[in-house]
Amino acid sequence: MAGSVTFDGSTYTVVGSGQNMWFGEDAFHYVWRKVEGDLSLAADIAFLGDGHEEHRKACLVIRQNLEPQSVYADIAVHGDGLTSLQYRPSVGVPTQEVQSNVTAPSRVAIERRGKYVSATVDGVPSGGSVRLELDEPYYIGLGVCSHARGVAESALFSQVTLAPVESTGALVSTLETIDIASTDRRTVHVFDTHMEAPNWTDDDRLIFNSGGKLFAIPAVGGDVSPIDTAFADHCNNDHGLSPDGTRIAISDQSQGDGHSRVYTLPIGGGTPTLLTEGAPSYWHGWSPDGSTIAFCGQRDGVFGIFTIPAGGGDEVRLTTAVKLDDGPEYSPDGEWIYFNSDRTGLMQIWRMHADGTALEQVTDDGSGNWFPHLSPDGSLMSFLAYDADVDGHPAGKDVALRLLDTATGEVTTLARLFGGQGTINVPSWSPDGKRLAFVSYAYL
């Protein structure tokens, strides 16, 4: 069914049909302009009529070309209010999405900045940006899909503006979750400040750090609550939960020398108990039986992986790094400690028995791989991949969130994003192993 558009001087009325704008389908009516450069397209959007399908879509759309299964991104307002940044990062792959935590906004915008596309809803960022590498020129415009063959739906696009992107350089941090099966992302909360490193609790909250403090928020979104850490007001992004969910380990730098040390405290907050006298020390893992903590530390100028009893005691060095061994985390069965090491030159994932024996390399590719996190059943390992020419694990880089099948060694990419330090430094699997929490960043 053919679509149409009319314009009365202030409003575009777009009529479109089509089965879907999802998976490999591009069935919608498109009103476009061919453009170059970094641009922002904004509009007030309203549907006409009750609609045949709740997933009818009115969208602002960026496409590489007009061919089927083109690279594209859109900010799509659905008939039921669901609002998502949908995207196809390469030709022919299924569409993915980042769901906003705002429903039925009256005004939306889509913005292209270099290799990233982002969106705003009612004047605020909708959530995570997506990497979409477009050649010049590309297409931008308005789209309507009825979500049903042979059915036409209409939407009004008013106060439409197309203008160069204005960048303020303001940092936006987006706390997100990603579904392992579909790779769809969901915005939990958008922050106008720097925040890092979510842990996922058994009662479905996300604990993160910001400004030296710890906070919690429901994994579905909602109010942010502070966690009292008493004197420990310089907490960094190395924190995590005990297996029974009653305590949290933190790495705090509030002592006079400014070095990080590991403490534990009740999950609901309280006065921290010091574990590591030596410094710097950075928590990364808790043994499944709760008896032992694994951490990265520097002693006598040399980094390595250490363990220490969770109730306090003597630390044991398991590795001596060539440059850096970091990110130790126990496997769910307690037999292995996974970590990242640059002992062969490029940072890769390794593992060893929990007593430090039987060292094995796990990844061996052309990326710098950091922060292994095992799923609750041990079948999958998430990690963060940098380009090989990046030194360390800095913030503000193009990174990939990847997944390794521990049985086959197969690696897949869950998401490509702007992030790095703070994105996924610590364990962040959901208790059921179906989702991961992470942080993406943008400078808008």
Protein backbone atom coordinates (compact mmCIF):
# COMPACT_ATOMS: atom_id res chain seq x y z
CA MET A 1 0.00 0.00 0.00
CA ALA A 2 1.47 3.32 -1.09
CA GLY A 3 2.13 6.00 1.49
CA SER A 4 1.80 9.75 1.23
CA VAL A 5 2.82 13.03 2.80
CA THR A 6 1.15 16.43 2.97
CA PHE A 7 2.58 19.67 4.35
CA ASP A 8 0.53 22.66 5.42
CA GLY A 9 3.31 25.07 6.30
CA SER A 10 3.98 23.86 9.84
CA THR A 11 3.08 20.17 9.99
CA TYR A 12 3.87 17.08 7.95
CA THR A 13 1.11 14.47 7.85
CA VAL A 14 2.71 11.17 6.89
CA VAL A 15 0.64 8.12 5.96
CA GLY A 16 2.40 4.76 5.87
CA SER A 17 1.73 1.05 5.91
CA GLY A 18 4.16 -1.88 6.04
CA GLN A 19 4.57 -5.04 8.10
CA ASN A 20 7.47 -3.86 10.23
CA MET A 21 10.69 -1.94 10.74
CA TRP A 22 12.46 -4.74 12.58
CA PHE A 23 14.70 -7.74 12.00
CA GLY A 24 15.43 -7.48 8.26
CA GLU A 25 12.28 -5.58 7.24
CA ASP A 26 12.20 -1.96 6.09
CA ALA A 27 8.49 -1.62 5.33
CA PHE A 28 7.54 2.00 5.97
CA HIS A 29 6.86 5.29 4.19
CA TYR A 30 9.90 7.58 4.24
CA VAL A 31 10.03 11.32 3.70
CA TRP A 32 13.73 12.07 3.34
CA ARG A 33 16.47 14.50 2.51
CA LYS A 34 19.98 13.61 1.35
CA VAL A 35 22.52 15.27 3.64
CA GLU A 36 26.11 15.42 4.85
CA GLY A 37 27.71 16.23 8.18
CA ASP A 38 26.63 15.96 11.80
CA LEU A 39 22.96 16.89 12.05
CA SER A 40 20.04 16.84 14.45
CA LEU A 41 16.45 16.19 13.31
CA ALA A 42 13.71 16.97 15.85
CA ALA A 43 9.91 16.93 15.77
CA ASP A 44 6.76 16.79 17.86
CA ILE A 45 5.03 13.49 17.02
CA ALA A 46 1.36 12.57 17.39
CA PHE A 47 -0.59 9.64 15.94
CA LEU A 48 -3.96 10.12 14.28
CA GLY A 49 -6.73 7.72 15.30
CA ASP A 50 -6.78 4.74 17.65
CA GLY A 51 -4.62 2.58 15.42
CA HIS A 52 -4.83 -1.02 14.27
CA GLU A 53 -1.63 -2.23 15.97
CA GLU A 54 -0.10 -1.01 19.23
CA HIS A 55 3.35 -1.30 17.62
CA ARG A 56 2.63 1.14 14.81
CA LYS A 57 5.62 3.44 14.58
CA ALA A 58 6.28 7.10 13.89
CA CYS A 59 10.01 7.67 13.52
CA LEU A 60 12.85 10.03 12.79
CA VAL A 61 15.12 7.97 10.56
CA ILE A 62 18.76 8.09 9.45
CA ARG A 63 19.74 5.68 6.66
CA GLN A 64 22.85 5.08 4.62
CA ASN A 65 20.77 4.54 1.47
CA LEU A 66 17.33 3.55 0.24
CA GLU A 67 18.21 -0.08 -0.46
CA PRO A 68 16.63 -2.94 1.52
CA GLN A 69 18.42 -3.83 4.77
CA SER A 70 20.54 -0.68 4.71
CA VAL A 71 22.49 0.50 7.72
CA TYR A 72 20.14 2.77 9.68
CA ALA A 73 19.03 4.17 13.02
CA ASP A 74 15.75 5.71 14.10
CA ILE A 75 14.06 7.03 17.18
CA ALA A 76 10.72 5.24 17.04
CA VAL A 77 7.63 6.21 19.01
CA HIS A 78 5.24 3.25 19.07
CA GLY A 79 1.48 3.35 19.34
CA ASP A 80 1.61 2.00 22.90
CA GLY A 81 4.16 4.64 23.95
CA LEU A 82 7.27 2.46 23.78
CA THR A 83 10.14 4.64 22.55
CA SER A 84 13.36 3.12 21.25
CA LEU A 85 16.53 4.00 19.42
CA GLN A 86 16.48 1.22 16.81
CA TYR A 87 19.48 0.48 14.62
CA ARG A 88 21.04 -1.86 12.09
CA PRO A 89 24.82 -1.47 12.43
CA SER A 90 25.74 -3.26 9.20
CA VAL A 91 23.98 -4.34 6.03
CA GLY A 92 21.71 -7.34 6.39
CA VAL A 93 21.96 -7.90 10.14
CA PRO A 94 18.83 -7.86 12.33
CA THR A 95 17.67 -4.61 13.84
CA GLN A 96 18.60 -3.98 17.48
CA GLU A 97 17.34 -1.39 19.93
CA VAL A 98 18.02 0.69 23.00
CA GLN A 99 14.71 1.14 24.81
CA SER A 100 14.20 4.50 26.47
CA ASN A 101 12.91 4.71 30.03
CA VAL A 102 10.49 7.42 28.85
CA THR A 103 7.17 6.42 27.27
CA ALA A 104 5.03 8.40 24.83
CA PRO A 105 7.18 11.55 24.62
CA SER A 106 5.68 14.46 22.72
CA ARG A 107 8.97 15.57 21.15
CA VAL A 108 11.94 13.50 20.01
CA ALA A 109 15.20 14.13 18.19
CA ILE A 110 17.82 11.99 16.50
CA GLU A 111 21.40 13.20 16.30
CA ARG A 112 24.42 12.04 14.36
CA ARG A 113 27.85 12.87 15.82
CA GLY A 114 30.67 11.28 13.87
CA LYS A 115 30.35 7.52 14.16
CA TYR A 116 27.64 7.64 16.87
CA VAL A 117 23.89 8.23 16.73
CA SER A 118 21.90 9.26 19.80
CA ALA A 119 18.41 10.49 20.57
CA THR A 120 16.58 12.80 22.94
CA VAL A 121 13.06 12.50 24.32
CA ASP A 122 11.26 15.60 25.52
CA GLY A 123 14.55 17.47 25.48
CA VAL A 124 16.68 15.03 27.51
CA PRO A 125 18.95 12.18 26.33
CA SER A 126 16.98 8.98 25.76
CA GLY A 127 19.87 6.72 26.77
CA GLY A 128 22.82 4.99 25.20
CA SER A 129 24.19 6.04 21.83
CA VAL A 130 24.90 3.47 19.11
CA ARG A 131 27.89 3.19 16.83
CA LEU A 132 26.78 3.67 13.22
CA GLU A 133 29.51 4.39 10.72
CA LEU A 134 27.92 6.18 7.77
CA ASP A 135 29.50 7.28 4.52
CA GLU A 136 28.71 10.74 3.17
CA PRO A 137 26.09 11.52 1.96
CA TYR A 138 23.34 9.77 3.89
CA TYR A 139 19.57 10.15 4.28
CA ILE A 140 17.55 11.66 7.12
CA GLY A 141 13.81 12.11 7.47
CA LEU A 142 10.40 11.09 8.78
CA GLY A 143 8.91 7.60 8.70
CA VAL A 144 5.64 5.84 9.48
CA CYS A 145 5.03 2.08 9.67
CA SER A 146 1.59 0.60 10.39
CA HIS A 147 2.96 -2.76 11.60
CA ALA A 148 0.33 -4.49 9.45
CA ARG A 149 0.21 -5.21 5.72
CA GLY A 150 -2.67 -3.53 3.95
CA VAL A 151 -3.30 -1.11 6.80
CA ALA A 152 -2.43 2.59 6.67
CA GLU A 153 -1.60 4.67 9.73
CA SER A 154 -1.11 8.42 9.97
CA ALA A 155 1.13 10.55 12.16
CA LEU A 156 1.66 14.28 12.51
CA PHE A 157 5.21 15.66 12.63
CA SER A 158 5.15 19.30 13.72
CA GLN A 159 7.78 21.88 14.69
CA VAL A 160 10.24 19.93 12.54
CA THR A 161 13.82 21.20 12.66
CA LEU A 162 16.94 19.98 10.87
CA ALA A 163 20.12 21.69 11.99
CA PRO A 164 23.81 21.11 12.61
CA VAL A 165 24.51 19.41 15.92
CA GLU A 166 25.41 21.82 18.70
CA SER A 167 27.88 20.22 21.09
CA THR A 168 28.36 21.50 24.63
CA GLY A 169 30.84 18.80 25.64
CA ALA A 170 28.60 17.80 28.56
CA LEU A 171 29.12 14.23 29.76
CA VAL A 172 26.13 11.90 29.89
CA SER A 173 26.38 8.50 31.61
CA THR A 174 23.73 5.92 30.78
CA LEU A 175 23.12 2.91 33.00
CA GLU A 176 21.85 0.15 30.73
CA THR A 177 20.98 -3.52 30.64
CA ILE A 178 21.35 -5.81 27.66
CA ASP A 179 19.43 -8.99 26.94
CA ILE A 180 21.87 -11.79 26.09
CA ALA A 181 19.51 -13.64 23.73
CA SER A 182 18.27 -10.67 21.67
CA THR A 183 21.13 -8.15 22.29
CA ASP A 184 18.46 -5.49 22.84
CA ARG A 185 19.45 -2.78 25.30
CA ARG A 186 17.29 -0.95 27.82
CA THR A 187 17.98 2.36 29.49
CA VAL A 188 17.71 2.17 33.28
CA HIS A 189 18.71 5.75 34.06
CA VAL A 190 20.47 8.67 32.37
CA PHE A 191 22.86 10.69 34.53
CA ASP A 192 24.28 14.14 33.82
CA THR A 193 27.37 13.21 35.81
CA HIS A 194 30.01 10.48 35.77
CA MET A 195 28.97 7.11 37.22
CA GLU A 196 30.47 3.65 36.88
CA ALA A 197 30.49 -0.09 37.34
CA PRO A 198 27.10 -1.63 38.18
CA ASN A 199 26.67 -4.77 40.31
CA TRP A 200 23.35 -6.67 40.02
CA THR A 201 21.85 -7.75 43.37
CA ASP A 202 19.64 -10.75 44.10
CA ASP A 203 16.73 -8.40 44.83
CA ASP A 204 17.04 -6.85 41.36
CA ARG A 205 18.86 -3.63 42.13
CA LEU A 206 21.94 -2.16 40.51
CA ILE A 207 24.69 -0.80 42.77
CA PHE A 208 27.12 1.69 41.23
CA ASN A 209 29.65 4.33 42.22
CA SER A 210 29.67 8.04 41.49
CA GLY A 211 31.68 10.85 43.04
CA GLY A 212 33.35 8.48 45.51
CA LYS A 213 30.03 7.20 46.90
CA LEU A 214 27.85 4.13 46.30
CA PHE A 215 24.25 4.23 45.13
CA ALA A 216 21.49 1.77 44.24
CA ILE A 217 18.61 1.85 41.78
CA PRO A 218 16.00 -0.75 40.77
CA ALA A 219 17.13 -2.61 37.65
CA VAL A 220 13.89 -1.59 35.94
CA GLY A 221 14.57 2.07 36.72
CA GLY A 222 13.29 4.34 39.44
CA ASP A 223 14.66 6.36 42.32
CA VAL A 224 18.37 6.43 43.12
CA SER A 225 19.24 5.72 46.77
CA PRO A 226 22.59 6.37 48.51
CA ILE A 227 24.39 3.57 50.37
CA ASP A 228 26.09 4.72 53.57
CA THR A 229 29.81 3.91 53.52
CA ALA A 230 30.70 6.09 56.53
CA PHE A 231 34.27 7.42 56.24
CA ALA A 232 34.85 5.69 52.89
CA ASP A 233 33.95 8.58 50.61
CA HIS A 234 36.49 7.97 47.85
CA CYS A 235 35.19 4.64 46.57
CA ASN A 236 36.41 3.72 43.10
CA ASN A 237 34.83 1.38 40.56
CA ASP A 238 36.11 -1.90 42.05
CA HIS A 239 33.25 -3.12 44.25
CA GLY A 240 31.08 -6.22 44.41
CA LEU A 241 28.70 -8.46 46.30
CA SER A 242 29.29 -11.45 48.55
CA PRO A 243 27.77 -14.70 47.24
CA ASP A 244 25.04 -14.66 49.90
CA GLY A 245 24.20 -11.03 49.09
CA THR A 246 24.69 -9.79 52.65
CA ARG A 247 27.91 -7.79 52.21
CA ILE A 248 29.62 -5.63 49.65
CA ALA A 249 33.34 -5.22 49.09
CA ILE A 250 34.62 -1.77 48.18
CA SER A 251 37.93 -0.30 47.09
CA ASP A 252 38.35 3.07 48.76
CA GLN A 253 41.02 5.76 48.55
CA SER A 254 40.03 7.98 51.48
CA GLN A 255 43.14 7.24 53.56
CA GLY A 256 45.81 9.91 53.84
CA ASP A 257 48.13 8.38 51.26
CA GLY A 258 45.36 8.30 48.63
CA HIS A 259 45.96 4.61 47.86
CA SER A 260 43.11 2.17 47.28
CA ARG A 261 42.40 -0.46 49.94
CA VAL A 262 39.76 -3.19 50.13
CA TYR A 263 37.02 -3.10 52.78
CA THR A 264 33.74 -4.92 53.34
CA LEU A 265 30.49 -3.62 54.83
CA PRO A 266 26.83 -4.71 55.10
CA ILE A 267 24.92 -4.55 51.82
CA GLY A 268 22.53 -1.99 53.31
CA GLY A 269 25.39 0.27 54.36
CA GLY A 270 27.48 0.77 57.48
CA THR A 271 31.04 1.21 58.68
CA PRO A 272 33.56 -0.59 56.43
CA THR A 273 35.97 -3.19 57.82
CA LEU A 274 39.50 -3.01 56.43
CA LEU A 275 40.79 -6.16 54.72
CA THR A 276 44.01 -5.15 52.96
CA GLU A 277 46.63 -3.26 54.92
CA GLY A 278 48.84 -3.21 51.83
CA ALA A 279 48.12 -0.68 49.11
CA PRO A 280 47.17 -0.09 46.42
CA SER A 281 44.61 -2.91 46.40
CA TYR A 282 41.57 -3.23 44.14
CA TRP A 283 38.76 -5.75 44.80
CA HIS A 284 37.57 -7.88 41.89
CA GLY A 285 36.23 -11.25 43.03
CA TRP A 286 34.63 -13.24 45.83
CA SER A 287 34.94 -17.04 46.01
CA PRO A 288 31.60 -18.88 45.60
CA ASP A 289 31.72 -20.14 49.20
CA GLY A 290 32.25 -16.59 50.46
CA SER A 291 35.47 -17.42 52.27
CA THR A 292 38.03 -15.66 50.08
CA ILE A 293 38.42 -12.41 48.20
CA ALA A 294 40.57 -11.95 45.10
CA PHE A 295 42.11 -8.59 44.32
CA CYS A 296 44.68 -6.84 42.19
CA GLY A 297 47.48 -5.23 44.15
CA GLN A 298 50.86 -3.61 43.82
CA ARG A 299 53.55 -4.64 46.28
CA ASP A 300 57.16 -3.45 46.13
CA GLY A 301 56.40 -1.80 42.80
CA VAL A 302 55.09 -4.98 41.16
CA PHE A 303 51.43 -5.71 40.36
CA GLY A 304 49.85 -9.12 40.73
CA ILE A 305 46.79 -11.13 41.69
CA PHE A 306 46.29 -11.80 45.41
CA THR A 307 43.78 -13.54 47.65
CA ILE A 308 42.88 -12.83 51.27
CA PRO A 309 40.36 -14.41 53.69
CA ALA A 310 37.06 -12.50 53.55
CA GLY A 311 37.09 -12.25 57.33
CA GLY A 312 40.61 -10.87 57.41
CA GLY A 313 44.05 -12.46 57.53
CA ASP A 314 47.21 -12.81 55.50
CA GLU A 315 47.23 -12.06 51.78
CA VAL A 316 48.67 -14.57 49.31
CA ARG A 317 50.28 -13.54 46.03
CA LEU A 318 49.19 -15.79 43.13
CA THR A 319 50.85 -14.00 40.19
CA THR A 320 53.68 -11.59 39.54
CA ALA A 321 52.86 -9.40 36.56
CA VAL A 322 55.23 -8.45 33.77
CA LYS A 323 53.35 -5.15 33.62
CA LEU A 324 49.82 -5.70 34.87
CA ASP A 325 47.59 -8.59 35.96
CA ASP A 326 44.12 -7.27 36.79
CA GLY A 327 40.45 -8.11 37.21
CA PRO A 328 40.58 -11.48 39.04
CA GLU A 329 37.21 -13.21 39.30
CA TYR A 330 36.30 -16.72 40.44
CA SER A 331 34.44 -19.18 38.23
CA PRO A 332 31.07 -20.23 39.72
CA ASP A 333 32.49 -23.63 40.70
CA GLY A 334 35.40 -21.99 42.50
CA GLU A 335 38.03 -23.96 40.57
CA TRP A 336 39.38 -21.12 38.45
CA ILE A 337 40.29 -17.48 38.74
CA TYR A 338 39.90 -15.56 35.48
CA PHE A 339 41.84 -12.34 34.98
CA ASN A 340 43.34 -10.08 32.32
CA SER A 341 47.08 -9.84 31.75
CA ASP A 342 49.47 -8.24 29.28
CA ARG A 343 52.18 -10.85 29.95
CA THR A 344 52.40 -11.63 26.21
CA GLY A 345 52.35 -7.97 25.16
CA LEU A 346 48.65 -7.35 24.41
CA MET A 347 46.09 -7.47 27.20
CA GLN A 348 44.22 -10.78 27.01
CA ILE A 349 42.05 -12.94 29.26
CA TRP A 350 43.76 -15.73 31.22
CA ARG A 351 42.77 -18.16 33.93
CA MET A 352 44.48 -20.24 36.61
CA HIS A 353 43.45 -22.62 39.35
CA ALA A 354 42.33 -20.88 42.50
CA ASP A 355 45.71 -21.68 44.08
CA GLY A 356 47.59 -19.94 41.26
CA THR A 357 48.64 -23.07 39.33
CA ALA A 358 47.83 -24.27 35.78
CA LEU A 359 47.95 -20.89 34.04
CA GLU A 360 46.04 -20.86 30.70
CA GLN A 361 45.39 -18.19 28.08
CA VAL A 362 41.67 -17.85 27.27
CA THR A 363 41.54 -15.20 24.52
CA ASP A 364 44.10 -14.61 21.80
CA ASP A 365 42.98 -12.04 19.26
CA GLY A 366 43.83 -8.59 17.96
CA SER A 367 41.97 -6.65 20.65
CA GLY A 368 42.95 -5.55 24.13
CA ASN A 369 40.63 -7.61 26.34
CA TRP A 370 39.76 -6.61 29.90
CA PHE A 371 37.53 -7.56 32.86
CA PRO A 372 36.26 -11.14 32.46
CA HIS A 373 32.93 -11.85 34.16
CA LEU A 374 31.46 -15.36 34.30
CA SER A 375 27.71 -15.93 34.00
CA PRO A 376 26.05 -17.53 37.05
CA ASP A 377 26.18 -20.99 35.44
CA GLY A 378 29.70 -20.48 34.06
CA SER A 379 28.68 -21.10 30.45
CA LEU A 380 29.45 -17.58 29.24
CA MET A 381 32.11 -14.97 29.93
CA SER A 382 31.59 -11.30 29.21
CA PHE A 383 34.55 -8.97 28.70
CA LEU A 384 35.42 -5.54 27.34
CA ALA A 385 37.49 -5.20 24.15
CA TYR A 386 39.57 -2.17 23.14
CA ASP A 387 41.40 -1.55 19.89
CA ALA A 388 44.90 -2.98 20.08
CA ASP A 389 46.58 0.44 19.96
CA VAL A 390 44.87 1.65 23.16
CA ASP A 391 47.14 1.61 26.20
CA GLY A 392 45.45 0.58 29.43
CA HIS A 393 41.70 0.80 29.94
CA PRO A 394 40.92 4.52 29.65
CA ALA A 395 37.49 6.10 29.49
CA GLY A 396 36.13 7.73 26.35
CA LYS A 397 37.03 5.07 23.78
CA ASP A 398 35.32 2.97 21.14
CA VAL A 399 34.88 -0.38 22.87
CA ALA A 400 32.98 -3.61 22.34
CA LEU A 401 31.09 -5.63 24.91
CA ARG A 402 31.82 -9.25 23.99
CA LEU A 403 30.72 -12.70 25.05
CA LEU A 404 32.73 -15.94 25.04
CA ASP A 405 31.16 -19.40 25.13
CA THR A 406 33.33 -21.19 27.70
CA ALA A 407 32.64 -24.60 26.15
CA THR A 408 33.42 -23.76 22.52
CA GLY A 409 35.56 -20.63 22.78
CA GLU A 410 33.30 -18.84 20.28
CA VAL A 411 33.24 -15.06 20.74
CA THR A 412 30.32 -12.82 19.76
CA THR A 413 29.82 -9.06 20.06
CA LEU A 414 26.89 -7.91 22.16
CA ALA A 415 27.29 -4.16 21.63
CA ARG A 416 29.69 -1.53 20.32
CA LEU A 417 29.66 1.64 22.35
CA PHE A 418 31.53 4.68 23.64
CA GLY A 419 32.95 3.75 27.00
CA GLY A 420 35.84 1.95 28.64
CA GLN A 421 36.84 2.67 32.23
CA GLY A 422 33.63 2.36 34.26
CA THR A 423 31.64 0.46 31.63
CA ILE A 424 31.87 -3.04 33.09
CA ASN A 425 34.82 -3.19 35.50
CA VAL A 426 33.07 -5.52 37.95
CA PRO A 427 30.59 -8.45 37.89
CA SER A 428 27.24 -7.28 36.53
CA TRP A 429 25.32 -10.39 35.43
CA SER A 430 21.67 -10.61 36.42
CA PRO A 431 21.03 -13.46 38.90
CA ASP A 432 19.24 -15.49 36.20
CA GLY A 433 22.11 -15.05 33.73
CA LYS A 434 19.87 -13.56 31.04
CA ARG A 435 21.10 -9.95 31.14
CA LEU A 436 24.12 -7.79 31.82
CA ALA A 437 24.30 -4.29 33.25
CA PHE A 438 26.82 -1.76 31.96
CA VAL A 439 27.46 1.94 31.51
CA SER A 440 27.85 3.80 28.23
CA TYR A 441 28.93 7.41 27.86
CA ALA A 442 28.47 10.32 25.48
CA TYR A 443 29.67 13.90 25.17
CA LEU A 444 26.72 15.94 23.92
